[in-house]
Amino acid sequence: MAITVKSAAIIGLDVFEINVEVDTINSIPQVSIIGLGDTAISEAKERLRLAIKNSSFSFPQTKVVINLAPADIKKEGSSYDLAMAIGILLKENIIKDFKKDEIVFIGELSLDGSLRAVNGILPIICGLADLGIKKAIVPYENLKEASFIDEIETLGAQNLSQVVSYLNGESNLKTLKQNVEDFLDKKEEFNIDFANVKGQQIAKKALEIAAAGAHNVLMSGSPGAGKTMLSKAFMSILPPLTKQEAIELTKIYSISGLLDRSKPLITSRPFRSPHHSASAVGIIGGGSNPKPGEITLAHRGVLFLDEMVEFPRKTLEVLRQPLEDNVITISRAQNSIQYPANFILLGAMNPCPCGFLGDSKKQCTCSEYQINRYRQRLSGPLLDRIDIQIKIQRLDENELLDSSQPSEPSETIRKRVIKARKIQMERYKNEGILTNSELNSKLIKKYCKIDDTTKQFLKNAIVSFNLSARAFDRILKISRTIADLEEKENIEISHIAQALQLRSF
């Protein structure tokens, strides 16, 4: 009679319960693993044999057949080792029978029987809790990461012998519960503060609006104007992560193998700055075994593209769909994987190849053909998806040397941003969104109402600036954010006017 033990598979961020079925046949001693497993799973045969032997347990002297069901789900990685070993030991009557439907086993076995940490524990535990599983046994190294989910009891084991001893009722395994808020209460430190950035009042205001409503920004200006410094300082005015956002981010970094074992929770917003030589797959994710790309690693944070036009046009064009939908769908022949991609895009570029078009100090040496060709690297549809588009001028010598006008510190700006975000969270608590940038057409009509005078002003602007329907929606979303920063209930003409100025391209 076959023995069934539970484990779990993760595809994208979706978790599936896997039944590890173990049975033996009176035949030449060998291990056969079936059920659509990858190379790491087929290599588990020798790991199982030696881990069980080196844990002082007997291995069956018959043919062992292990089936990972359902067979139509692709299984990858080494996290099924522990479940397969438990199934074999149950078949050998080394482990007494237990409530197999209530416990899930996850972990990689070393040859000496110790358990190694695996990637993706937090999303697996979250998924198992949603499936109604009550208990999970994981490698001890993964216990901290798994301890944030209250709905499921997670036990940590250092080796196979400890798991066997626990299942036989001879000892206990360590459990741990941690509170997400305890990690998020720690004060964040930033390398660059807005107080260190001289001048650039328009750019600072634009970035404050972007932070308050999670809007995308493109900055154009001469080399040395401060685009990169402003972008890095932008992190210091973003609001702290909420509990939900911290869990979302930690899931992503866990499955990507980028989570520091000593810091089991992501507590600050990510700032991803890929080089312009990055491929389209590197940006959006994918590959033969699909993994999250830069846009997913920047979820709830910032994706900074410095010298944006130097990125291949093909790479930039793949941003269009995630900028619109806040998710990225990676389709393969066997399945389709969806990753979250709700990020703020910060782009920086020069106005022309030499970088000095419109500069007050240095004359541009580019021809009109070179300028047009340079700008055409950014397509119209992509630009249309960037809410705020501003030009930045270099500071003159007087502005650089003037110390009589201290710049406003990031902490002060951040307080206004947090207040505006709280207004939005309260407003959209029943809509499933957090910020103004996530408003769709239906919600724009509901929450971005304007009076007849403002409507006429906006109508004139649409005609004058030849705005598209998408640009019209984004103007309203930016206006809603400006009104929130001013704590105004309704959008006014002044808010529309400011939003139009922030699309100066």
Protein backbone atom coordinates (compact mmCIF):
# COMPACT_ATOMS: atom_id res chain seq x y z
CA MET A 1 0.00 0.00 0.00
CA ALA A 2 1.35 3.40 -0.99
CA ILE A 3 2.21 6.00 1.65
CA THR A 4 1.25 9.64 0.97
CA VAL A 5 3.05 12.65 2.51
CA LYS A 6 2.32 16.29 1.76
CA SER A 7 4.70 18.89 0.34
CA ALA A 8 4.20 22.06 -1.72
CA ALA A 9 5.12 23.51 -5.13
CA ILE A 10 5.39 27.18 -5.99
CA ILE A 11 4.86 28.51 -9.53
CA GLY A 12 5.31 32.24 -9.72
CA LEU A 13 3.74 33.26 -6.41
CA ASP A 14 1.01 30.61 -6.55
CA VAL A 15 1.30 27.64 -4.18
CA PHE A 16 0.02 24.13 -4.90
CA GLU A 17 -0.27 21.20 -2.52
CA ILE A 18 1.82 18.24 -3.69
CA ASN A 19 1.18 14.64 -2.62
CA VAL A 20 4.41 12.65 -2.37
CA GLU A 21 3.36 9.01 -2.89
CA VAL A 22 5.84 6.30 -1.91
CA ASP A 23 5.60 2.56 -2.58
CA THR A 24 8.02 -0.34 -3.01
CA ILE A 25 8.32 -3.19 -5.52
CA ASN A 26 10.18 -6.48 -4.97
CA SER A 27 12.84 -5.87 -7.56
CA ILE A 28 16.44 -4.74 -7.94
CA PRO A 29 17.13 -2.03 -5.28
CA GLN A 30 16.84 1.39 -6.88
CA VAL A 31 14.90 4.68 -6.57
CA SER A 32 12.57 5.90 -9.31
CA ILE A 33 11.06 9.42 -9.05
CA ILE A 34 8.17 10.27 -11.39
CA GLY A 35 5.72 13.18 -11.65
CA LEU A 36 7.26 15.82 -13.96
CA GLY A 37 10.29 16.72 -11.87
CA ASP A 38 13.39 18.65 -12.99
CA THR A 39 17.08 17.65 -12.74
CA ALA A 40 17.36 18.66 -9.07
CA ILE A 41 14.53 16.25 -8.24
CA SER A 42 15.99 13.36 -10.24
CA GLU A 43 19.32 13.90 -8.41
CA ALA A 44 17.49 13.50 -5.08
CA LYS A 45 17.80 9.70 -5.40
CA GLU A 46 21.36 9.62 -4.05
CA ARG A 47 20.71 12.40 -1.53
CA LEU A 48 17.83 10.36 -0.07
CA ARG A 49 19.80 7.14 0.08
CA LEU A 50 22.82 8.65 1.84
CA ALA A 51 20.87 11.06 4.09
CA ILE A 52 18.77 8.17 5.45
CA LYS A 53 21.81 5.90 5.83
CA ASN A 54 23.92 8.61 7.57
CA SER A 55 21.01 9.33 9.93
CA SER A 56 21.34 5.70 11.15
CA PHE A 57 18.12 4.52 9.49
CA SER A 58 17.76 1.58 7.10
CA PHE A 59 17.02 2.17 3.42
CA PRO A 60 14.67 -0.27 1.61
CA GLN A 61 16.46 -3.13 -0.17
CA THR A 62 13.79 -3.09 -2.88
CA LYS A 63 12.78 -0.78 -5.71
CA VAL A 64 11.33 2.47 -4.32
CA VAL A 65 8.89 4.37 -6.56
CA ILE A 66 8.11 7.98 -5.63
CA ASN A 67 5.33 9.84 -7.42
CA LEU A 68 4.90 13.61 -7.11
CA ALA A 69 1.21 14.25 -7.73
CA PRO A 70 -0.50 15.86 -9.51
CA ALA A 71 1.74 14.92 -12.40
CA ASP A 72 0.68 17.81 -14.65
CA ILE A 73 2.37 20.45 -12.43
CA LYS A 74 6.06 21.04 -13.13
CA LYS A 75 8.15 20.47 -9.98
CA GLU A 76 11.46 22.26 -9.57
CA GLY A 77 14.17 22.40 -6.94
CA SER A 78 15.21 20.34 -3.95
CA SER A 79 12.48 21.30 -1.45
CA TYR A 80 10.74 17.90 -1.82
CA ASP A 81 13.68 15.94 -0.32
CA LEU A 82 12.33 15.92 3.24
CA ALA A 83 8.82 14.81 2.23
CA MET A 84 10.25 11.95 0.11
CA ALA A 85 12.51 10.82 2.98
CA ILE A 86 9.58 10.85 5.44
CA GLY A 87 7.53 8.77 3.00
CA ILE A 88 10.31 6.16 2.71
CA LEU A 89 10.76 5.97 6.50
CA LEU A 90 6.99 5.58 6.96
CA LYS A 91 7.03 2.72 4.45
CA GLU A 92 9.85 1.10 6.44
CA ASN A 93 7.86 1.52 9.70
CA ILE A 94 10.70 3.59 11.18
CA ILE A 95 8.19 6.41 11.72
CA LYS A 96 4.91 5.67 13.49
CA ASP A 97 1.75 6.70 11.68
CA PHE A 98 0.65 10.31 12.21
CA LYS A 99 -2.02 12.68 10.85
CA LYS A 100 -0.42 13.04 7.44
CA ASP A 101 -3.11 15.40 6.11
CA GLU A 102 -2.22 18.05 8.70
CA ILE A 103 1.56 18.38 8.18
CA VAL A 104 3.52 19.60 5.16
CA PHE A 105 7.26 18.84 4.82
CA ILE A 106 9.63 21.23 3.02
CA GLY A 107 13.42 21.11 2.88
CA GLU A 108 16.57 19.96 1.09
CA LEU A 109 18.62 17.10 2.53
CA SER A 110 22.40 17.07 2.78
CA LEU A 111 24.26 13.78 2.47
CA ASP A 112 24.80 13.71 6.23
CA GLY A 113 21.05 14.06 6.89
CA SER A 114 21.04 17.75 7.86
CA LEU A 115 18.42 20.10 6.38
CA ARG A 116 19.43 22.95 4.12
CA ALA A 117 17.40 26.15 3.65
CA VAL A 118 15.36 26.53 0.47
CA ASN A 119 14.08 29.58 -1.39
CA GLY A 120 10.46 30.71 -1.34
CA ILE A 121 9.51 29.61 2.18
CA LEU A 122 7.39 32.68 3.01
CA PRO A 123 5.15 32.50 -0.10
CA ILE A 124 4.84 28.73 0.42
CA ILE A 125 3.76 29.15 4.06
CA CYS A 126 1.31 31.92 3.09
CA GLY A 127 -0.16 29.70 0.37
CA LEU A 128 -0.43 26.69 2.68
CA ALA A 129 -2.25 28.79 5.28
CA ASP A 130 -4.76 29.79 2.58
CA LEU A 131 -5.19 26.08 1.71
CA GLY A 132 -6.10 25.29 5.33
CA ILE A 133 -2.89 23.46 6.30
CA LYS A 134 -2.31 23.65 10.06
CA LYS A 135 1.37 22.70 10.41
CA ALA A 136 4.58 22.80 8.36
CA ILE A 137 8.07 21.44 9.09
CA VAL A 138 10.88 23.45 7.45
CA PRO A 139 14.68 23.73 7.74
CA TYR A 140 15.75 25.57 10.89
CA GLU A 141 17.43 28.29 8.77
CA ASN A 142 14.05 29.10 7.20
CA LEU A 143 12.17 29.30 10.51
CA LYS A 144 12.60 33.07 11.01
CA GLU A 145 11.27 33.79 7.52
CA ALA A 146 8.28 31.49 8.03
CA SER A 147 7.41 32.85 11.47
CA PHE A 148 5.42 35.90 10.31
CA ILE A 149 2.29 33.94 9.37
CA ASP A 150 0.01 33.37 12.36
CA GLU A 151 -2.51 31.08 10.65
CA ILE A 152 -0.13 28.11 10.47
CA GLU A 153 2.22 26.51 13.00
CA THR A 154 5.73 26.33 11.57
CA LEU A 155 8.36 24.03 13.11
CA GLY A 156 12.10 24.19 12.39
CA ALA A 157 14.36 21.12 12.20
CA GLN A 158 18.13 20.93 11.77
CA ASN A 159 18.27 17.38 10.45
CA LEU A 160 16.23 14.33 9.47
CA SER A 161 16.74 12.62 12.84
CA GLN A 162 15.02 15.51 14.66
CA VAL A 163 11.99 15.25 12.36
CA VAL A 164 11.73 11.48 12.89
CA SER A 165 12.05 11.91 16.66
CA TYR A 166 9.28 14.55 16.64
CA LEU A 167 6.90 12.45 14.54
CA ASN A 168 7.44 9.48 16.86
CA GLY A 169 6.52 11.66 19.85
CA GLU A 170 10.01 11.44 21.40
CA SER A 171 10.92 15.17 21.26
CA ASN A 172 9.69 18.59 20.18
CA LEU A 173 10.78 20.88 17.37
CA LYS A 174 11.38 24.59 17.82
CA THR A 175 8.62 26.97 16.78
CA LEU A 176 8.75 30.75 16.49
CA LYS A 177 6.28 33.61 16.07
CA GLN A 178 7.36 37.12 15.08
CA ASN A 179 5.44 40.35 14.58
CA VAL A 180 5.92 42.24 11.32
CA GLU A 181 5.31 45.59 13.06
CA ASP A 182 8.32 45.03 15.34
CA PHE A 183 10.59 44.99 12.29
CA LEU A 184 8.89 47.93 10.57
CA ASP A 185 9.17 50.19 13.65
CA LYS A 186 12.93 50.51 13.19
CA LYS A 187 14.05 53.92 11.89
CA GLU A 188 15.31 53.97 8.31
CA GLU A 189 18.55 55.69 7.37
CA PHE A 190 19.15 57.26 3.94
CA ASN A 191 22.41 58.23 2.26
CA ILE A 192 21.07 61.38 0.58
CA ASP A 193 18.62 63.88 2.08
CA PHE A 194 16.72 66.58 0.19
CA ALA A 195 18.41 69.06 2.55
CA ASN A 196 21.67 68.23 0.71
CA VAL A 197 20.19 69.13 -2.69
CA LYS A 198 20.52 72.82 -3.51
CA GLY A 199 17.89 74.63 -5.56
CA GLN A 200 15.73 72.60 -7.97
CA GLN A 201 12.49 73.60 -6.21
CA ILE A 202 10.29 72.57 -9.16
CA ALA A 203 11.92 69.13 -9.35
CA LYS A 204 11.60 68.64 -5.59
CA LYS A 205 7.91 69.53 -5.69
CA ALA A 206 7.39 67.17 -8.63
CA LEU A 207 9.08 64.32 -6.72
CA GLU A 208 6.98 65.07 -3.63
CA ILE A 209 3.83 64.72 -5.74
CA ALA A 210 5.22 61.52 -7.30
CA ALA A 211 5.94 60.04 -3.85
CA ALA A 212 2.49 61.00 -2.53
CA GLY A 213 0.57 59.38 -5.40
CA ALA A 214 3.15 56.78 -6.63
CA HIS A 215 3.42 58.49 -10.04
CA ASN A 216 6.09 57.80 -12.68
CA VAL A 217 8.64 60.54 -13.40
CA LEU A 218 10.99 61.38 -16.27
CA MET A 219 13.65 64.07 -15.75
CA SER A 220 15.54 65.65 -18.62
CA GLY A 221 18.49 67.93 -18.10
CA SER A 222 22.15 68.67 -18.81
CA PRO A 223 24.91 66.50 -17.29
CA GLY A 224 25.50 67.56 -13.70
CA ALA A 225 22.07 69.14 -13.25
CA GLY A 226 21.35 66.78 -10.34
CA LYS A 227 19.03 64.17 -11.88
CA THR A 228 20.74 61.17 -10.31
CA MET A 229 21.13 62.83 -6.92
CA LEU A 230 17.44 63.81 -6.87
CA SER A 231 16.47 60.24 -7.79
CA LYS A 232 18.51 58.74 -4.95
CA ALA A 233 17.18 61.35 -2.48
CA PHE A 234 13.65 60.40 -3.60
CA MET A 235 13.83 57.27 -1.42
CA SER A 236 14.05 59.43 1.71
CA ILE A 237 10.56 60.92 1.19
CA LEU A 238 8.70 57.71 0.38
CA PRO A 239 6.39 56.48 3.17
CA PRO A 240 7.44 53.42 5.21
CA LEU A 241 6.20 50.02 4.13
CA THR A 242 2.90 48.76 5.46
CA LYS A 243 2.62 45.19 6.83
CA GLN A 244 0.94 44.01 3.62
CA GLU A 245 3.63 45.61 1.42
CA ALA A 246 6.47 44.15 3.53
CA ILE A 247 5.03 40.63 3.21
CA GLU A 248 4.53 41.10 -0.57
CA LEU A 249 8.15 42.22 -1.04
CA THR A 250 9.60 39.50 1.16
CA LYS A 251 7.75 36.86 -0.87
CA ILE A 252 9.30 38.19 -4.08
CA TYR A 253 12.85 38.34 -2.71
CA SER A 254 12.44 34.91 -1.13
CA ILE A 255 11.57 33.12 -4.38
CA SER A 256 14.38 35.05 -6.11
CA GLY A 257 16.95 33.79 -3.60
CA LEU A 258 17.85 37.39 -2.65
CA LEU A 259 16.58 37.34 0.93
CA ASP A 260 19.24 37.72 3.62
CA ARG A 261 18.78 34.81 6.07
CA SER A 262 19.79 37.10 8.96
CA LYS A 263 17.10 39.62 7.95
CA PRO A 264 13.98 37.55 7.28
CA LEU A 265 11.77 40.53 6.35
CA ILE A 266 12.20 43.31 3.78
CA THR A 267 11.64 46.49 5.81
CA SER A 268 12.49 49.26 3.34
CA ARG A 269 11.30 50.06 -0.16
CA PRO A 270 13.56 48.71 -2.92
CA PHE A 271 15.58 50.97 -5.21
CA ARG A 272 16.57 49.03 -8.33
CA SER A 273 18.95 50.67 -10.78
CA PRO A 274 19.84 48.26 -13.63
CA HIS A 275 22.60 49.12 -16.10
CA HIS A 276 21.49 50.14 -19.59
CA SER A 277 23.01 46.94 -20.98
CA ALA A 278 20.33 44.89 -19.14
CA SER A 279 18.28 42.60 -21.39
CA ALA A 280 14.51 42.65 -21.74
CA VAL A 281 14.32 39.35 -19.81
CA GLY A 282 16.46 40.84 -17.04
CA ILE A 283 14.05 43.77 -16.76
CA ILE A 284 10.69 41.97 -16.96
CA GLY A 285 11.71 38.49 -15.77
CA GLY A 286 11.39 35.11 -17.44
CA GLY A 287 13.95 32.60 -18.63
CA SER A 288 13.69 28.81 -19.02
CA ASN A 289 12.83 28.60 -15.30
CA PRO A 290 10.97 31.92 -14.97
CA LYS A 291 12.23 34.24 -12.25
CA PRO A 292 11.19 37.79 -11.29
CA GLY A 293 12.89 40.61 -13.18
CA GLU A 294 13.90 44.11 -12.12
CA ILE A 295 10.35 45.48 -12.37
CA THR A 296 9.10 42.87 -9.89
CA LEU A 297 12.10 43.34 -7.58
CA ALA A 298 11.17 47.05 -7.59
CA HIS A 299 7.57 46.28 -6.52
CA ARG A 300 6.28 48.91 -4.05
CA GLY A 301 9.55 50.77 -4.58
CA VAL A 302 11.50 52.51 -7.34
CA LEU A 303 12.91 51.38 -10.69
CA PHE A 304 15.53 53.98 -11.66
CA LEU A 305 16.65 54.02 -15.30
CA ASP A 306 19.62 56.38 -15.50
CA GLU A 307 20.39 57.54 -19.04
CA MET A 308 17.06 56.03 -20.02
CA VAL A 309 17.46 56.50 -23.77
CA GLU A 310 20.65 54.42 -23.70
CA PHE A 311 18.54 51.32 -22.95
CA PRO A 312 17.64 49.34 -26.10
CA ARG A 313 14.25 50.41 -27.45
CA LYS A 314 13.02 46.82 -27.26
CA THR A 315 13.83 46.74 -23.53
CA LEU A 316 12.01 50.01 -22.88
CA GLU A 317 8.93 48.94 -24.83
CA VAL A 318 8.38 45.90 -22.59
CA LEU A 319 7.66 48.37 -19.77
CA ARG A 320 4.45 49.55 -21.42
CA GLN A 321 2.15 46.77 -20.22
CA PRO A 322 3.36 46.62 -16.57
CA LEU A 323 3.23 50.44 -16.31
CA GLU A 324 -0.44 50.22 -17.28
CA ASP A 325 -1.51 47.07 -15.38
CA ASN A 326 0.97 46.94 -12.44
CA VAL A 327 1.57 43.24 -13.15
CA ILE A 328 3.71 41.31 -15.62
CA THR A 329 2.48 38.10 -17.22
CA ILE A 330 5.13 35.66 -18.47
CA SER A 331 3.61 33.11 -20.83
CA ARG A 332 5.18 29.76 -21.55
CA ALA A 333 3.93 26.71 -23.48
CA GLN A 334 2.91 24.81 -20.33
CA ASN A 335 1.72 27.63 -18.08
CA SER A 336 1.44 31.36 -17.53
CA ILE A 337 3.06 33.09 -14.54
CA GLN A 338 2.02 36.47 -13.18
CA TYR A 339 4.29 38.60 -11.00
CA PRO A 340 3.35 41.90 -9.30
CA ALA A 341 5.04 45.00 -10.76
CA ASN A 342 3.56 48.00 -8.98
CA PHE A 343 6.61 50.26 -9.00
CA ILE A 344 7.45 53.94 -9.47
CA LEU A 345 9.48 54.47 -12.63
CA LEU A 346 12.13 57.17 -12.30
CA GLY A 347 13.85 57.97 -15.57
CA ALA A 348 16.70 60.37 -16.25
CA MET A 349 17.97 61.46 -19.65
CA ASN A 350 19.92 64.16 -21.43
CA PRO A 351 17.97 66.40 -23.82
CA CYS A 352 20.29 65.53 -26.74
CA PRO A 353 23.38 63.41 -27.52
CA CYS A 354 25.86 66.05 -26.30
CA GLY A 355 23.59 66.84 -23.35
CA PHE A 356 23.49 70.63 -23.56
CA LEU A 357 20.37 71.44 -25.57
CA GLY A 358 18.69 74.37 -23.81
CA ASP A 359 21.58 74.79 -21.35
CA SER A 360 22.16 78.38 -20.21
CA LYS A 361 25.96 78.03 -20.01
CA LYS A 362 27.04 75.72 -22.82
CA GLN A 363 25.89 75.59 -26.42
CA CYS A 364 24.53 72.40 -27.98
CA THR A 365 26.62 70.96 -30.84
CA CYS A 366 24.05 68.43 -32.10
CA SER A 367 22.27 68.64 -35.44
CA GLU A 368 18.47 68.61 -35.63
CA TYR A 369 18.64 65.12 -37.14
CA GLN A 370 20.75 63.84 -34.21
CA ILE A 371 18.38 65.39 -31.67
CA ASN A 372 15.28 63.88 -33.31
CA ARG A 373 16.90 60.47 -33.64
CA TYR A 374 17.99 60.59 -30.00
CA ARG A 375 14.53 61.47 -28.73
CA GLN A 376 12.83 58.85 -30.90
CA ARG A 377 14.38 56.16 -28.72
CA LEU A 378 11.49 56.88 -26.35
CA SER A 379 8.25 56.04 -28.10
CA GLY A 380 5.12 58.16 -27.76
CA PRO A 381 3.08 55.39 -26.10
CA LEU A 382 5.78 54.90 -23.45
CA LEU A 383 6.03 58.64 -22.75
CA ASP A 384 2.25 58.79 -22.47
CA ARG A 385 2.46 56.34 -19.56
CA ILE A 386 4.87 58.54 -17.59
CA ASP A 387 2.77 60.89 -15.46
CA ILE A 388 5.33 63.58 -14.63
CA GLN A 389 7.82 64.84 -17.23
CA ILE A 390 10.04 67.73 -16.17
CA LYS A 391 13.10 69.60 -17.40
CA ILE A 392 15.93 70.32 -14.97
CA GLN A 393 18.35 73.21 -15.41
CA ARG A 394 21.89 73.32 -14.08
CA LEU A 395 22.46 75.63 -11.11
CA ASP A 396 24.58 78.71 -11.73
CA GLU A 397 27.56 79.63 -9.54
CA ASN A 398 25.51 81.92 -7.28
CA GLU A 399 22.95 79.21 -6.52
CA LEU A 400 25.73 76.69 -5.84
CA LEU A 401 27.51 78.98 -3.38
CA ASP A 402 24.41 80.44 -1.72
CA SER A 403 24.02 78.99 1.78
CA SER A 404 21.49 81.52 3.09
CA GLN A 405 18.49 79.50 1.84
CA PRO A 406 18.59 76.08 3.56
CA SER A 407 16.77 73.33 1.69
CA GLU A 408 13.76 71.63 3.26
CA PRO A 409 14.81 68.31 4.84
CA SER A 410 13.38 65.00 3.65
CA GLU A 411 11.75 64.31 7.01
CA THR A 412 9.46 67.35 6.64
CA ILE A 413 8.50 66.42 3.07
CA ARG A 414 7.99 62.80 4.08
CA LYS A 415 5.43 63.80 6.74
CA ARG A 416 3.32 65.50 4.05
CA VAL A 417 3.66 62.46 1.79
CA ILE A 418 2.60 60.07 4.58
CA LYS A 419 -0.43 62.28 5.35
CA ALA A 420 -1.46 62.24 1.67
CA ARG A 421 -1.00 58.45 1.49
CA LYS A 422 -3.20 57.97 4.56
CA ILE A 423 -5.94 60.02 2.88
CA GLN A 424 -5.72 57.75 -0.18
CA MET A 425 -5.67 54.53 1.86
CA GLU A 426 -8.81 55.61 3.71
CA ARG A 427 -10.52 56.68 0.48
CA TYR A 428 -9.73 53.46 -1.39
CA LYS A 429 -10.04 50.97 1.49
CA ASN A 430 -12.92 49.20 -0.28
CA GLU A 431 -11.44 49.43 -3.80
CA GLY A 432 -8.42 47.12 -3.43
CA ILE A 433 -5.87 49.85 -4.28
CA LEU A 434 -3.54 52.03 -2.21
CA THR A 435 -2.62 55.11 -4.29
CA ASN A 436 -3.99 57.53 -6.88
CA SER A 437 -1.73 56.11 -9.59
CA GLU A 438 -3.69 52.82 -9.45
CA LEU A 439 -7.03 54.42 -10.34
CA ASN A 440 -8.71 52.95 -13.41
CA SER A 441 -11.19 54.78 -15.66
CA LYS A 442 -14.18 53.74 -13.55
CA LEU A 443 -12.58 54.91 -10.29
CA ILE A 444 -11.35 58.16 -11.88
CA LYS A 445 -14.98 59.08 -12.62
CA LYS A 446 -15.89 58.23 -9.04
CA TYR A 447 -13.09 59.99 -7.17
CA CYS A 448 -11.79 62.70 -9.52
CA LYS A 449 -14.93 64.79 -9.92
CA ILE A 450 -14.56 68.39 -11.11
CA ASP A 451 -17.01 71.30 -11.37
CA ASP A 452 -18.13 72.89 -14.65
CA THR A 453 -15.55 75.72 -14.55
CA THR A 454 -12.66 73.30 -13.98
CA LYS A 455 -14.08 71.00 -16.65
CA GLN A 456 -14.04 73.84 -19.21
CA PHE A 457 -10.45 74.71 -18.25
CA LEU A 458 -9.41 71.08 -18.73
CA LYS A 459 -11.26 70.90 -22.05
CA ASN A 460 -9.27 73.90 -23.34
CA ALA A 461 -6.05 72.23 -22.17
CA ILE A 462 -6.92 69.02 -24.04
CA VAL A 463 -7.36 71.00 -27.25
CA SER A 464 -4.27 73.20 -26.73
CA PHE A 465 -1.88 70.38 -25.81
CA ASN A 466 -3.52 67.69 -27.97
CA LEU A 467 -3.79 65.32 -25.00
CA SER A 468 -4.63 61.65 -25.50
CA ALA A 469 -7.30 59.89 -23.44
CA ARG A 470 -4.52 58.26 -21.38
CA ALA A 471 -2.83 61.63 -20.78
CA PHE A 472 -6.22 63.06 -19.74
CA ASP A 473 -6.64 60.32 -17.13
CA ARG A 474 -3.13 60.84 -15.83
CA ILE A 475 -3.65 64.60 -15.51
CA LEU A 476 -6.68 63.89 -13.33
CA LYS A 477 -4.74 61.39 -11.20
CA ILE A 478 -1.90 63.87 -10.62
CA SER A 479 -4.45 66.59 -9.81
CA ARG A 480 -6.07 64.27 -7.26
CA THR A 481 -2.66 63.79 -5.59
CA ILE A 482 -1.96 67.55 -5.50
CA ALA A 483 -5.37 68.08 -3.89
CA ASP A 484 -4.56 65.39 -1.31
CA LEU A 485 -1.25 67.08 -0.44
CA GLU A 486 -3.20 70.29 0.14
CA GLU A 487 -5.86 68.29 2.05
CA LYS A 488 -8.57 69.50 -0.34
CA GLU A 489 -11.61 67.30 -0.88
CA ASN A 490 -12.25 68.42 -4.48
CA ILE A 491 -9.97 68.99 -7.46
CA GLU A 492 -9.65 72.69 -8.33
CA ILE A 493 -8.37 74.61 -11.36
CA SER A 494 -5.04 75.29 -9.61
CA HIS A 495 -4.49 71.55 -9.20
CA ILE A 496 -5.20 70.91 -12.90
CA ALA A 497 -2.83 73.76 -13.86
CA GLN A 498 -0.01 72.31 -11.73
CA ALA A 499 -0.57 68.84 -13.21
CA LEU A 500 -0.33 70.25 -16.75
CA GLN A 501 2.94 72.01 -15.89
CA LEU A 502 4.37 68.72 -14.71
CA ARG A 503 4.03 67.29 -18.23
CA SER A 504 6.26 69.90 -19.83
CA PHE A 505 7.57 67.51 -22.50
